[in-house]
Amino acid sequence: MNNDETVKKSRPQDKWDKKAGVISKTYKVNGKTAEEFRVACKKAGVSMGTQLTKMMNEFIEEVKTSE
């Protein structure tokens, strides 16, 4: 394998993600819960990632204030 094959091509989205501090994460969750969350986000007109981030930040603050 030469260097050309091992170098990952950078997409414009990858550059934006890096600048914005966005990373991809994978979690295992209950399938029914994940589907209900997807439907709820669609119904509310919000992206799943944005809603997850909001809930994570709220949980982080809740834990910090309980210390």
C-alpha atoms as a PDB file:
ATOM      1  CA  MET A   1       0.000   0.000   0.000  1.00  0.00           C
ATOM      2  CA  ASN A   2       1.504   3.345  -0.966  1.00  0.00           C
ATOM      3  CA  ASN A   3       0.940   6.681   0.764  1.00  0.00           C
ATOM      4  CA  ASP A   4      -1.714   7.754  -1.745  1.00  0.00           C
ATOM      5  CA  GLU A   5      -3.940   4.872  -0.648  1.00  0.00           C
ATOM      6  CA  THR A   6      -3.582   5.559   3.084  1.00  0.00           C
ATOM      7  CA  VAL A   7      -4.317   9.294   2.944  1.00  0.00           C
ATOM      8  CA  LYS A   8      -7.981  10.021   3.617  1.00  0.00           C
ATOM      9  CA  LYS A   9      -9.520  12.609   1.333  1.00  0.00           C
ATOM     10  CA  SER A  10     -10.820  15.617   3.248  1.00  0.00           C
ATOM     11  CA  ARG A  11     -14.348  16.681   2.370  1.00  0.00           C
ATOM     12  CA  PRO A  12     -15.643  20.235   2.915  1.00  0.00           C
ATOM     13  CA  GLN A  13     -17.932  18.814   5.634  1.00  0.00           C
ATOM     14  CA  ASP A  14     -14.907  17.318   7.422  1.00  0.00           C
ATOM     15  CA  LYS A  15     -13.237  20.726   7.493  1.00  0.00           C
ATOM     16  CA  TRP A  16     -16.400  22.348   8.881  1.00  0.00           C
ATOM     17  CA  ASP A  17     -16.796  19.616  11.513  1.00  0.00           C
ATOM     18  CA  LYS A  18     -13.206  20.081  12.685  1.00  0.00           C
ATOM     19  CA  LYS A  19     -13.581  23.865  12.868  1.00  0.00           C
ATOM     20  CA  ALA A  20     -16.888  23.538  14.764  1.00  0.00           C
ATOM     21  CA  GLY A  21     -15.487  20.891  17.134  1.00  0.00           C
ATOM     22  CA  VAL A  22     -18.011  18.306  15.959  1.00  0.00           C
ATOM     23  CA  ILE A  23     -17.112  14.617  16.220  1.00  0.00           C
ATOM     24  CA  SER A  24     -18.918  11.423  15.321  1.00  0.00           C
ATOM     25  CA  LYS A  25     -19.841   9.128  18.238  1.00  0.00           C
ATOM     26  CA  THR A  26     -21.447   5.705  18.280  1.00  0.00           C
ATOM     27  CA  TYR A  27     -23.572   4.489  21.177  1.00  0.00           C
ATOM     28  CA  LYS A  28     -25.585   1.349  21.728  1.00  0.00           C
ATOM     29  CA  VAL A  29     -29.125   2.158  22.797  1.00  0.00           C
ATOM     30  CA  ASN A  30     -32.420   0.353  22.912  1.00  0.00           C
ATOM     31  CA  GLY A  31     -33.820   0.179  19.386  1.00  0.00           C
ATOM     32  CA  LYS A  32     -37.384   1.114  20.378  1.00  0.00           C
ATOM     33  CA  THR A  33     -36.147   4.147  22.308  1.00  0.00           C
ATOM     34  CA  ALA A  34     -33.935   5.238  19.422  1.00  0.00           C
ATOM     35  CA  GLU A  35     -36.808   5.003  16.953  1.00  0.00           C
ATOM     36  CA  GLU A  36     -39.180   6.892  19.242  1.00  0.00           C
ATOM     37  CA  PHE A  37     -36.504   9.578  19.684  1.00  0.00           C
ATOM     38  CA  ARG A  38     -36.070   9.848  15.903  1.00  0.00           C
ATOM     39  CA  VAL A  39     -39.815  10.248  15.409  1.00  0.00           C
ATOM     40  CA  ALA A  40     -40.101  12.789  18.258  1.00  0.00           C
ATOM     41  CA  CYS A  41     -37.239  14.877  16.833  1.00  0.00           C
ATOM     42  CA  LYS A  42     -38.823  14.833  13.382  1.00  0.00           C
ATOM     43  CA  LYS A  43     -42.202  15.829  14.838  1.00  0.00           C
ATOM     44  CA  ALA A  44     -40.575  18.682  16.808  1.00  0.00           C
ATOM     45  CA  GLY A  45     -38.596  19.790  13.758  1.00  0.00           C
ATOM     46  CA  VAL A  46     -35.187  19.437  15.439  1.00  0.00           C
ATOM     47  CA  SER A  47     -32.163  17.416  14.444  1.00  0.00           C
ATOM     48  CA  MET A  48     -31.300  14.424  16.577  1.00  0.00           C
ATOM     49  CA  GLY A  49     -27.721  15.635  17.057  1.00  0.00           C
ATOM     50  CA  THR A  50     -28.815  19.074  18.224  1.00  0.00           C
ATOM     51  CA  GLN A  51     -31.314  17.589  20.674  1.00  0.00           C
ATOM     52  CA  LEU A  52     -28.797  15.069  22.014  1.00  0.00           C
ATOM     53  CA  THR A  53     -26.267  17.861  22.555  1.00  0.00           C
ATOM     54  CA  LYS A  54     -28.876  19.951  24.392  1.00  0.00           C
ATOM     55  CA  MET A  55     -29.806  17.048  26.673  1.00  0.00           C
ATOM     56  CA  MET A  56     -26.140  16.187  27.302  1.00  0.00           C
ATOM     57  CA  ASN A  57     -25.353  19.786  28.286  1.00  0.00           C
ATOM     58  CA  GLU A  58     -28.375  19.913  30.600  1.00  0.00           C
ATOM     59  CA  PHE A  59     -27.283  16.669  32.270  1.00  0.00           C
ATOM     60  CA  ILE A  60     -23.687  17.902  32.642  1.00  0.00           C
ATOM     61  CA  GLU A  61     -24.902  21.101  34.338  1.00  0.00           C
ATOM     62  CA  GLU A  62     -27.260  19.126  36.591  1.00  0.00           C
ATOM     63  CA  VAL A  63     -24.409  16.914  37.767  1.00  0.00           C
ATOM     64  CA  LYS A  64     -22.082  19.880  38.265  1.00  0.00           C
ATOM     65  CA  THR A  65     -24.608  21.728  40.428  1.00  0.00           C
ATOM     66  CA  SER A  66     -25.260  18.628  42.539  1.00  0.00           C
ATOM     67  CA  GLU A  67     -21.575  18.292  43.493  1.00  0.00           C
END
